[in-house]
N, C-alpha and C. Protein backbone atom coordinates (compact mmCIF):
# COMPACT_ATOMS: atom_id res chain seq x y z
N MET A 1 -128.09 -71.66 -73.48
CA MET A 1 -127.34 -72.35 -74.51
C MET A 1 -127.37 -73.84 -74.20
N THR A 2 -127.71 -74.64 -75.21
CA THR A 2 -127.75 -76.08 -75.08
C THR A 2 -126.77 -76.68 -76.07
N GLU A 3 -125.98 -77.65 -75.62
CA GLU A 3 -124.98 -78.25 -76.51
C GLU A 3 -125.14 -79.76 -76.51
N THR A 4 -125.09 -80.34 -77.71
CA THR A 4 -125.13 -81.79 -77.86
C THR A 4 -124.10 -82.21 -78.89
N SER A 5 -123.70 -83.47 -78.83
CA SER A 5 -122.80 -84.04 -79.84
C SER A 5 -123.51 -85.21 -80.47
N ASP A 6 -123.16 -85.51 -81.73
CA ASP A 6 -123.75 -86.67 -82.37
C ASP A 6 -122.66 -87.69 -82.69
N ARG A 7 -123.06 -88.84 -83.25
CA ARG A 7 -122.11 -89.93 -83.50
C ARG A 7 -121.04 -89.57 -84.52
N THR A 8 -121.29 -88.62 -85.40
CA THR A 8 -120.31 -88.27 -86.42
C THR A 8 -119.29 -87.26 -85.92
N GLY A 9 -119.34 -86.91 -84.66
CA GLY A 9 -118.40 -85.94 -84.13
C GLY A 9 -118.86 -84.51 -84.28
N GLY A 10 -120.06 -84.32 -84.80
CA GLY A 10 -120.60 -82.98 -84.94
C GLY A 10 -121.07 -82.44 -83.60
N VAL A 11 -121.08 -81.13 -83.50
CA VAL A 11 -121.55 -80.46 -82.29
C VAL A 11 -122.70 -79.54 -82.68
N GLU A 12 -123.75 -79.60 -81.91
CA GLU A 12 -124.93 -78.77 -82.15
C GLU A 12 -125.21 -77.95 -80.90
N THR A 13 -125.36 -76.65 -81.07
CA THR A 13 -125.59 -75.76 -79.94
C THR A 13 -126.73 -74.81 -80.29
N ARG A 14 -127.59 -74.52 -79.32
CA ARG A 14 -128.70 -73.59 -79.52
C ARG A 14 -128.44 -72.31 -78.73
N PHE A 15 -128.81 -71.19 -79.36
CA PHE A 15 -128.58 -69.88 -78.77
C PHE A 15 -129.84 -69.04 -78.88
N PRO A 16 -130.06 -68.13 -77.92
CA PRO A 16 -131.16 -67.17 -78.07
C PRO A 16 -130.84 -66.19 -79.19
N ARG A 17 -131.87 -65.59 -79.76
CA ARG A 17 -131.66 -64.57 -80.80
C ARG A 17 -131.24 -63.27 -80.11
N HIS A 18 -129.96 -63.15 -79.87
CA HIS A 18 -129.41 -62.00 -79.15
C HIS A 18 -128.00 -61.75 -79.68
N PRO A 19 -127.58 -60.49 -79.82
CA PRO A 19 -126.24 -60.20 -80.34
C PRO A 19 -125.10 -60.91 -79.59
N ARG A 20 -125.25 -61.13 -78.28
CA ARG A 20 -124.19 -61.82 -77.53
C ARG A 20 -124.00 -63.26 -77.98
N SER A 21 -125.02 -63.83 -78.62
CA SER A 21 -124.92 -65.22 -79.07
C SER A 21 -123.86 -65.40 -80.15
N VAL A 22 -123.56 -64.35 -80.89
CA VAL A 22 -122.53 -64.45 -81.93
C VAL A 22 -121.17 -64.78 -81.29
N GLY A 23 -120.79 -64.04 -80.27
CA GLY A 23 -119.53 -64.30 -79.57
C GLY A 23 -119.53 -65.65 -78.88
N ARG A 24 -120.66 -66.04 -78.33
CA ARG A 24 -120.75 -67.35 -77.67
C ARG A 24 -120.57 -68.48 -78.69
N ALA A 25 -121.16 -68.32 -79.87
CA ALA A 25 -121.00 -69.34 -80.92
C ALA A 25 -119.53 -69.44 -81.34
N ARG A 26 -118.86 -68.29 -81.47
CA ARG A 26 -117.43 -68.30 -81.80
C ARG A 26 -116.63 -69.06 -80.75
N ALA A 27 -116.94 -68.81 -79.48
CA ALA A 27 -116.20 -69.46 -78.40
C ALA A 27 -116.42 -70.98 -78.41
N VAL A 28 -117.66 -71.41 -78.61
CA VAL A 28 -117.95 -72.84 -78.67
C VAL A 28 -117.22 -73.47 -79.85
N LEU A 29 -117.25 -72.78 -81.00
CA LEU A 29 -116.56 -73.30 -82.18
C LEU A 29 -115.06 -73.38 -81.94
N ARG A 30 -114.46 -72.34 -81.38
CA ARG A 30 -113.01 -72.33 -81.14
C ARG A 30 -112.61 -73.49 -80.24
N THR A 31 -113.40 -73.76 -79.21
CA THR A 31 -113.11 -74.88 -78.31
C THR A 31 -113.17 -76.21 -79.07
N GLN A 32 -114.19 -76.37 -79.91
CA GLN A 32 -114.32 -77.61 -80.67
C GLN A 32 -113.20 -77.75 -81.70
N LEU A 33 -112.86 -76.66 -82.37
CA LEU A 33 -111.78 -76.72 -83.35
C LEU A 33 -110.46 -77.12 -82.68
N SER A 34 -110.21 -76.59 -81.50
CA SER A 34 -109.00 -76.95 -80.76
C SER A 34 -108.99 -78.44 -80.44
N ALA A 35 -110.14 -78.98 -80.05
CA ALA A 35 -110.25 -80.42 -79.76
C ALA A 35 -109.98 -81.25 -81.01
N TRP A 36 -110.34 -80.72 -82.17
CA TRP A 36 -110.10 -81.42 -83.43
C TRP A 36 -108.70 -81.16 -83.98
N GLY A 37 -107.91 -80.29 -83.36
CA GLY A 37 -106.57 -79.97 -83.84
C GLY A 37 -106.55 -78.94 -84.95
N VAL A 38 -107.62 -78.19 -85.10
CA VAL A 38 -107.69 -77.14 -86.12
C VAL A 38 -107.29 -75.83 -85.46
N GLU A 39 -106.21 -75.23 -85.97
CA GLU A 39 -105.68 -74.01 -85.35
C GLU A 39 -105.29 -73.00 -86.41
N GLY A 40 -104.78 -71.87 -85.98
CA GLY A 40 -104.23 -70.86 -86.87
C GLY A 40 -105.24 -70.26 -87.82
N ASP A 41 -104.80 -70.08 -89.07
CA ASP A 41 -105.65 -69.44 -90.08
C ASP A 41 -106.96 -70.18 -90.29
N ALA A 42 -106.91 -71.50 -90.24
CA ALA A 42 -108.12 -72.29 -90.44
C ALA A 42 -109.15 -71.99 -89.36
N ALA A 43 -108.70 -71.94 -88.11
CA ALA A 43 -109.61 -71.63 -87.01
C ALA A 43 -110.13 -70.20 -87.12
N ASP A 44 -109.25 -69.28 -87.50
CA ASP A 44 -109.68 -67.88 -87.67
C ASP A 44 -110.73 -67.76 -88.76
N SER A 45 -110.52 -68.44 -89.88
CA SER A 45 -111.50 -68.39 -90.98
C SER A 45 -112.82 -69.01 -90.56
N ALA A 46 -112.76 -70.12 -89.84
CA ALA A 46 -113.99 -70.77 -89.37
C ALA A 46 -114.75 -69.85 -88.41
N GLU A 47 -114.02 -69.18 -87.52
CA GLU A 47 -114.67 -68.25 -86.60
C GLU A 47 -115.33 -67.09 -87.34
N LEU A 48 -114.67 -66.58 -88.35
CA LEU A 48 -115.25 -65.50 -89.13
C LEU A 48 -116.52 -65.98 -89.85
N LEU A 49 -116.47 -67.18 -90.39
CA LEU A 49 -117.66 -67.73 -91.06
C LEU A 49 -118.83 -67.89 -90.09
N ILE A 50 -118.58 -68.48 -88.93
CA ILE A 50 -119.69 -68.69 -87.99
C ILE A 50 -120.19 -67.34 -87.48
N SER A 51 -119.30 -66.36 -87.33
CA SER A 51 -119.73 -65.02 -86.91
C SER A 51 -120.69 -64.42 -87.93
N GLU A 52 -120.35 -64.52 -89.21
CA GLU A 52 -121.21 -63.95 -90.25
C GLU A 52 -122.54 -64.68 -90.33
N LEU A 53 -122.52 -66.00 -90.27
CA LEU A 53 -123.77 -66.77 -90.34
C LEU A 53 -124.66 -66.47 -89.13
N MET A 54 -124.07 -66.43 -87.94
CA MET A 54 -124.84 -66.14 -86.73
C MET A 54 -125.36 -64.71 -86.74
N THR A 55 -124.53 -63.76 -87.16
CA THR A 55 -124.96 -62.36 -87.21
C THR A 55 -126.16 -62.20 -88.13
N ASN A 56 -126.14 -62.86 -89.29
CA ASN A 56 -127.29 -62.79 -90.19
C ASN A 56 -128.54 -63.34 -89.54
N ALA A 57 -128.42 -64.45 -88.83
CA ALA A 57 -129.58 -65.03 -88.17
C ALA A 57 -130.10 -64.11 -87.06
N VAL A 58 -129.19 -63.55 -86.28
CA VAL A 58 -129.59 -62.65 -85.18
C VAL A 58 -130.26 -61.39 -85.73
N ARG A 59 -129.69 -60.82 -86.79
CA ARG A 59 -130.22 -59.56 -87.33
C ARG A 59 -131.48 -59.73 -88.16
N HIS A 60 -131.55 -60.78 -88.96
CA HIS A 60 -132.59 -60.85 -89.98
C HIS A 60 -133.67 -61.90 -89.74
N ALA A 61 -133.38 -62.94 -89.01
CA ALA A 61 -134.38 -63.99 -88.80
C ALA A 61 -135.38 -63.55 -87.75
N ARG A 62 -136.61 -63.77 -88.03
CA ARG A 62 -137.65 -63.48 -87.05
C ARG A 62 -137.99 -64.78 -86.34
N VAL A 63 -137.27 -65.04 -85.28
CA VAL A 63 -137.42 -66.28 -84.53
C VAL A 63 -138.56 -66.10 -83.53
N PRO A 64 -139.61 -66.94 -83.61
CA PRO A 64 -140.71 -66.82 -82.66
C PRO A 64 -140.24 -67.01 -81.22
N HIS A 65 -140.98 -66.43 -80.29
CA HIS A 65 -140.66 -66.55 -78.87
C HIS A 65 -140.55 -68.03 -78.51
N GLY A 66 -139.51 -68.37 -77.78
CA GLY A 66 -139.30 -69.75 -77.37
C GLY A 66 -138.47 -70.56 -78.35
N ARG A 67 -138.26 -70.05 -79.55
CA ARG A 67 -137.41 -70.73 -80.53
C ARG A 67 -136.01 -70.14 -80.47
N GLU A 68 -135.04 -70.94 -80.80
CA GLU A 68 -133.65 -70.49 -80.74
C GLU A 68 -132.97 -70.67 -82.09
N ILE A 69 -131.82 -70.05 -82.21
CA ILE A 69 -130.96 -70.23 -83.38
C ILE A 69 -130.07 -71.43 -83.07
N GLU A 70 -129.88 -72.28 -84.06
CA GLU A 70 -129.08 -73.48 -83.87
C GLU A 70 -127.81 -73.39 -84.71
N ALA A 71 -126.68 -73.66 -84.08
CA ALA A 71 -125.40 -73.72 -84.80
C ALA A 71 -124.89 -75.16 -84.73
N ARG A 72 -124.38 -75.65 -85.85
CA ARG A 72 -123.85 -77.01 -85.90
C ARG A 72 -122.51 -76.98 -86.62
N PHE A 73 -121.55 -77.72 -86.07
CA PHE A 73 -120.22 -77.83 -86.67
C PHE A 73 -119.89 -79.31 -86.82
N ALA A 74 -119.35 -79.69 -87.96
CA ALA A 74 -118.95 -81.08 -88.18
C ALA A 74 -117.68 -81.10 -89.03
N LEU A 75 -116.76 -81.96 -88.66
CA LEU A 75 -115.51 -82.12 -89.40
C LEU A 75 -115.48 -83.53 -89.97
N THR A 76 -115.42 -83.62 -91.30
CA THR A 76 -115.33 -84.90 -91.99
C THR A 76 -114.06 -84.87 -92.83
N GLY A 77 -113.07 -85.61 -92.41
CA GLY A 77 -111.79 -85.56 -93.11
C GLY A 77 -111.22 -84.16 -92.99
N ARG A 78 -111.04 -83.51 -94.10
CA ARG A 78 -110.51 -82.14 -94.13
C ARG A 78 -111.58 -81.13 -94.53
N LEU A 79 -112.84 -81.50 -94.38
CA LEU A 79 -113.94 -80.61 -94.74
C LEU A 79 -114.73 -80.24 -93.48
N LEU A 80 -114.70 -78.96 -93.13
CA LEU A 80 -115.44 -78.46 -91.98
C LEU A 80 -116.76 -77.87 -92.46
N ARG A 81 -117.86 -78.36 -91.91
CA ARG A 81 -119.18 -77.86 -92.27
C ARG A 81 -119.72 -77.05 -91.09
N LEU A 82 -120.11 -75.82 -91.37
CA LEU A 82 -120.71 -74.93 -90.38
C LEU A 82 -122.14 -74.66 -90.83
N GLU A 83 -123.09 -74.80 -89.92
CA GLU A 83 -124.49 -74.56 -90.24
C GLU A 83 -125.11 -73.67 -89.18
N VAL A 84 -125.99 -72.78 -89.60
CA VAL A 84 -126.80 -71.98 -88.68
C VAL A 84 -128.24 -72.08 -89.17
N SER A 85 -129.11 -72.53 -88.28
CA SER A 85 -130.52 -72.71 -88.61
C SER A 85 -131.38 -71.81 -87.74
N ASP A 86 -132.48 -71.35 -88.33
CA ASP A 86 -133.44 -70.55 -87.58
C ASP A 86 -134.85 -70.88 -88.08
N ALA A 87 -135.85 -70.35 -87.41
CA ALA A 87 -137.24 -70.67 -87.72
C ALA A 87 -137.84 -69.79 -88.81
N SER A 88 -137.05 -68.92 -89.39
CA SER A 88 -137.55 -68.03 -90.45
C SER A 88 -137.41 -68.71 -91.81
N ASP A 89 -138.43 -68.58 -92.65
CA ASP A 89 -138.37 -69.10 -94.01
C ASP A 89 -137.73 -68.11 -94.97
N ARG A 90 -137.45 -66.90 -94.49
CA ARG A 90 -136.85 -65.86 -95.33
C ARG A 90 -135.43 -66.25 -95.72
N LEU A 91 -135.17 -66.32 -97.03
CA LEU A 91 -133.85 -66.72 -97.51
C LEU A 91 -132.89 -65.54 -97.50
N PRO A 92 -131.61 -65.79 -97.21
CA PRO A 92 -130.63 -64.71 -97.23
C PRO A 92 -130.39 -64.24 -98.66
N VAL A 93 -130.23 -62.95 -98.81
CA VAL A 93 -129.97 -62.36 -100.12
C VAL A 93 -128.67 -61.57 -100.02
N PRO A 94 -127.68 -61.92 -100.83
CA PRO A 94 -126.43 -61.15 -100.81
C PRO A 94 -126.70 -59.69 -101.17
N ALA A 95 -126.21 -58.78 -100.36
CA ALA A 95 -126.41 -57.35 -100.60
C ALA A 95 -125.45 -56.86 -101.66
N GLN A 96 -125.90 -55.90 -102.43
CA GLN A 96 -125.04 -55.23 -103.41
C GLN A 96 -124.59 -53.92 -102.75
N THR A 97 -123.45 -53.96 -102.07
CA THR A 97 -122.98 -52.80 -101.32
C THR A 97 -121.83 -52.11 -102.04
N GLY A 98 -121.74 -50.82 -101.80
CA GLY A 98 -120.63 -50.05 -102.34
C GLY A 98 -119.41 -50.20 -101.46
N THR A 99 -118.31 -49.66 -101.91
CA THR A 99 -117.06 -49.79 -101.16
C THR A 99 -117.07 -49.01 -99.86
N GLU A 100 -117.94 -48.01 -99.74
CA GLU A 100 -118.00 -47.20 -98.52
C GLU A 100 -119.05 -47.69 -97.53
N ALA A 101 -119.81 -48.72 -97.87
CA ALA A 101 -120.87 -49.22 -96.99
C ALA A 101 -120.27 -49.77 -95.70
N GLU A 102 -120.98 -49.55 -94.59
CA GLU A 102 -120.50 -50.03 -93.29
C GLU A 102 -121.05 -51.40 -92.94
N GLY A 103 -121.94 -51.93 -93.71
CA GLY A 103 -122.51 -53.24 -93.44
C GLY A 103 -122.94 -53.90 -94.74
N GLY A 104 -123.53 -55.08 -94.60
CA GLY A 104 -124.05 -55.77 -95.77
C GLY A 104 -123.05 -56.63 -96.51
N ARG A 105 -121.90 -56.86 -95.91
CA ARG A 105 -120.87 -57.66 -96.59
C ARG A 105 -120.76 -59.08 -96.06
N GLY A 106 -121.63 -59.48 -95.16
CA GLY A 106 -121.53 -60.79 -94.52
C GLY A 106 -121.52 -61.96 -95.49
N LEU A 107 -122.48 -62.00 -96.40
CA LEU A 107 -122.53 -63.11 -97.34
C LEU A 107 -121.40 -63.04 -98.36
N ALA A 108 -120.92 -61.83 -98.65
CA ALA A 108 -119.75 -61.71 -99.54
C ALA A 108 -118.52 -62.32 -98.88
N LEU A 109 -118.37 -62.10 -97.57
CA LEU A 109 -117.26 -62.72 -96.84
C LEU A 109 -117.41 -64.23 -96.81
N VAL A 110 -118.63 -64.70 -96.58
CA VAL A 110 -118.88 -66.14 -96.57
C VAL A 110 -118.50 -66.73 -97.93
N ALA A 111 -118.95 -66.09 -99.00
CA ALA A 111 -118.65 -66.59 -100.35
C ALA A 111 -117.15 -66.58 -100.64
N ALA A 112 -116.44 -65.58 -100.13
CA ALA A 112 -115.00 -65.47 -100.38
C ALA A 112 -114.19 -66.49 -99.57
N LEU A 113 -114.61 -66.76 -98.35
CA LEU A 113 -113.85 -67.66 -97.48
C LEU A 113 -114.21 -69.13 -97.64
N ALA A 114 -115.47 -69.40 -97.91
CA ALA A 114 -115.96 -70.78 -97.93
C ALA A 114 -115.61 -71.46 -99.25
N HIS A 115 -115.39 -72.75 -99.16
CA HIS A 115 -115.20 -73.57 -100.36
C HIS A 115 -116.53 -73.65 -101.11
N ASP A 116 -117.62 -73.67 -100.37
CA ASP A 116 -118.97 -73.68 -100.92
C ASP A 116 -119.90 -73.20 -99.81
N TRP A 117 -121.06 -72.71 -100.17
CA TRP A 117 -122.05 -72.30 -99.18
C TRP A 117 -123.42 -72.34 -99.82
N GLY A 118 -124.44 -72.32 -98.99
CA GLY A 118 -125.79 -72.34 -99.54
C GLY A 118 -126.83 -72.30 -98.44
N VAL A 119 -128.04 -72.57 -98.84
CA VAL A 119 -129.17 -72.56 -97.92
C VAL A 119 -130.10 -73.69 -98.31
N ARG A 120 -130.72 -74.31 -97.31
CA ARG A 120 -131.71 -75.35 -97.57
C ARG A 120 -132.84 -75.20 -96.57
N PRO A 121 -134.04 -75.61 -96.96
CA PRO A 121 -135.14 -75.55 -96.01
C PRO A 121 -134.94 -76.61 -94.92
N ARG A 122 -135.43 -76.30 -93.74
CA ARG A 122 -135.40 -77.27 -92.65
C ARG A 122 -136.68 -78.07 -92.66
N GLU A 123 -136.61 -79.25 -92.11
CA GLU A 123 -137.82 -80.05 -91.98
C GLU A 123 -138.75 -79.33 -91.01
N GLY A 124 -139.97 -79.10 -91.43
CA GLY A 124 -140.93 -78.39 -90.58
C GLY A 124 -140.96 -76.92 -90.90
N VAL A 125 -140.11 -76.16 -90.22
CA VAL A 125 -140.13 -74.71 -90.38
C VAL A 125 -138.70 -74.17 -90.41
N GLY A 126 -138.50 -73.13 -91.19
CA GLY A 126 -137.22 -72.44 -91.17
C GLY A 126 -136.26 -72.88 -92.25
N LYS A 127 -135.01 -72.48 -92.06
CA LYS A 127 -133.96 -72.73 -93.04
C LYS A 127 -132.64 -72.98 -92.33
N CYS A 128 -131.71 -73.52 -93.08
CA CYS A 128 -130.34 -73.75 -92.62
C CYS A 128 -129.41 -73.11 -93.63
N VAL A 129 -128.57 -72.19 -93.18
CA VAL A 129 -127.53 -71.60 -94.02
C VAL A 129 -126.23 -72.28 -93.64
N TRP A 130 -125.52 -72.80 -94.62
CA TRP A 130 -124.33 -73.60 -94.36
C TRP A 130 -123.14 -73.08 -95.16
N ALA A 131 -121.96 -73.42 -94.65
CA ALA A 131 -120.71 -73.09 -95.35
C ALA A 131 -119.74 -74.24 -95.14
N LEU A 132 -118.99 -74.55 -96.19
CA LEU A 132 -117.95 -75.58 -96.12
C LEU A 132 -116.59 -74.91 -96.20
N LEU A 133 -115.70 -75.32 -95.32
CA LEU A 133 -114.34 -74.80 -95.31
C LEU A 133 -113.41 -75.99 -95.53
N GLU A 134 -112.64 -75.93 -96.60
CA GLU A 134 -111.72 -77.02 -96.91
C GLU A 134 -110.40 -76.77 -96.19
N LEU A 135 -110.00 -77.73 -95.37
CA LEU A 135 -108.77 -77.63 -94.60
C LEU A 135 -107.68 -78.40 -95.33
N THR A 136 -106.46 -77.90 -95.29
CA THR A 136 -105.35 -78.55 -95.98
C THR A 136 -104.21 -78.78 -95.02
N GLY A 137 -103.26 -79.58 -95.45
CA GLY A 137 -102.06 -79.80 -94.65
C GLY A 137 -101.96 -81.22 -94.15
N ALA A 138 -100.87 -81.49 -93.47
CA ALA A 138 -100.60 -82.80 -92.91
C ALA A 138 -101.42 -83.00 -91.65
N PRO A 139 -101.52 -84.23 -91.16
CA PRO A 139 -102.22 -84.45 -89.90
C PRO A 139 -101.65 -83.55 -88.80
N GLY A 140 -102.47 -83.22 -87.85
CA GLY A 140 -102.10 -82.27 -86.81
C GLY A 140 -102.79 -80.96 -87.10
N PRO A 141 -102.27 -79.86 -86.58
CA PRO A 141 -102.89 -78.57 -86.86
C PRO A 141 -102.98 -78.34 -88.37
N VAL A 142 -104.13 -77.88 -88.81
CA VAL A 142 -104.38 -77.72 -90.24
C VAL A 142 -104.57 -76.27 -90.58
N SER A 143 -104.39 -75.97 -91.85
CA SER A 143 -104.61 -74.62 -92.34
C SER A 143 -105.73 -74.65 -93.36
N VAL A 144 -106.17 -73.49 -93.77
CA VAL A 144 -107.28 -73.40 -94.71
C VAL A 144 -106.76 -73.08 -96.10
N ARG A 145 -107.37 -73.70 -97.11
CA ARG A 145 -107.05 -73.37 -98.49
C ARG A 145 -108.06 -72.36 -98.97
N ALA A 146 -107.60 -71.29 -99.56
CA ALA A 146 -108.51 -70.25 -100.04
C ALA A 146 -109.43 -70.81 -101.10
N ALA A 147 -110.61 -70.22 -101.20
CA ALA A 147 -111.55 -70.61 -102.24
C ALA A 147 -110.87 -70.44 -103.59
N ALA A 148 -111.22 -71.30 -104.53
CA ALA A 148 -110.57 -71.29 -105.84
C ALA A 148 -110.74 -69.97 -106.56
N SER A 149 -111.93 -69.39 -106.49
CA SER A 149 -112.16 -68.13 -107.20
C SER A 149 -113.14 -67.27 -106.41
N PRO A 150 -112.63 -66.38 -105.54
CA PRO A 150 -113.54 -65.54 -104.77
C PRO A 150 -114.34 -64.65 -105.71
N PRO A 151 -115.58 -64.34 -105.32
CA PRO A 151 -116.44 -63.54 -106.19
C PRO A 151 -115.89 -62.12 -106.34
N ALA A 152 -116.09 -61.57 -107.51
CA ALA A 152 -115.65 -60.21 -107.79
C ALA A 152 -116.78 -59.24 -107.50
N PRO A 153 -116.56 -58.21 -106.68
CA PRO A 153 -117.61 -57.24 -106.42
C PRO A 153 -117.99 -56.53 -107.71
N PRO A 154 -119.22 -56.06 -107.89
CA PRO A 154 -120.32 -56.14 -106.96
C PRO A 154 -121.18 -57.38 -107.15
N ALA A 155 -120.95 -58.18 -108.17
CA ALA A 155 -121.79 -59.36 -108.40
C ALA A 155 -121.42 -60.45 -107.41
N LEU A 156 -122.38 -60.89 -106.62
CA LEU A 156 -122.16 -61.94 -105.64
C LEU A 156 -122.89 -63.19 -106.08
N PRO A 157 -122.33 -64.37 -105.77
CA PRO A 157 -123.02 -65.60 -106.14
C PRO A 157 -124.27 -65.78 -105.29
N ALA A 158 -125.29 -66.33 -105.90
CA ALA A 158 -126.49 -66.68 -105.16
C ALA A 158 -126.17 -67.88 -104.29
N PRO A 159 -126.89 -68.06 -103.19
CA PRO A 159 -126.61 -69.22 -102.35
C PRO A 159 -126.84 -70.51 -103.13
N ALA A 160 -125.97 -71.47 -102.90
CA ALA A 160 -126.12 -72.77 -103.56
C ALA A 160 -127.30 -73.51 -102.94
N VAL A 161 -127.98 -74.27 -103.73
CA VAL A 161 -129.06 -75.11 -103.24
C VAL A 161 -128.42 -76.39 -102.75
N GLU A 162 -128.93 -76.99 -101.68
CA GLU A 162 -128.31 -78.15 -101.06
C GLU A 162 -127.96 -79.25 -102.07
N ALA A 163 -128.80 -79.49 -103.05
CA ALA A 163 -128.56 -80.58 -103.99
C ALA A 163 -127.52 -80.20 -105.04
N ARG A 164 -127.14 -78.94 -105.12
CA ARG A 164 -126.20 -78.47 -106.12
C ARG A 164 -124.93 -78.01 -105.43
N THR A 165 -123.80 -78.29 -106.01
CA THR A 165 -122.54 -77.81 -105.48
C THR A 165 -121.97 -76.79 -106.44
N ALA A 166 -121.73 -75.59 -105.94
CA ALA A 166 -121.24 -74.51 -106.79
C ALA A 166 -119.79 -74.74 -107.21
N ARG A 167 -118.99 -75.26 -106.31
CA ARG A 167 -117.59 -75.55 -106.60
C ARG A 167 -117.29 -76.96 -106.12
N ARG A 168 -116.39 -77.62 -106.76
CA ARG A 168 -116.03 -78.98 -106.37
C ARG A 168 -115.52 -78.96 -104.93
N CYS A 169 -116.03 -79.87 -104.11
CA CYS A 169 -115.67 -79.82 -102.69
C CYS A 169 -114.59 -80.82 -102.31
N CYS A 170 -114.20 -81.71 -103.14
CA CYS A 170 -113.18 -82.70 -102.75
C CYS A 170 -112.12 -82.83 -103.80
């Protein structure tokens, strides 16, 4: 695992394509959220989002040997951006699952929790799946505001394209 920070306060961490990386990404995110003063429901929602994004990358991305999955977190004002990038060009497709299905609900959870989400190609190879979480409240520990209109099963929203915003973010 490699961790770097950039000038905007974002944190970027690389993980091997392994199921244990999901828990490690959650732990890194929780530590960073605590440093930013994000706690409670907001931190729980952010952890669930990064878990779903990382799980999709671990399960579905075909990362070539020597390449890693990259997770990035950035907080701008009250908007938390979570990104997971991998070397696969395969785009995520929301599954149409029944109520008894044991899996396939990851992107539905992302769509329900996130203020907005989508996918964009990476420079060179691969893709980046991102989610925005709008934080509310006074300065100090913040809470999360639910998405304005969570998707109704079984129809799930397609991932937003980077240049398009599905829901107003500010």
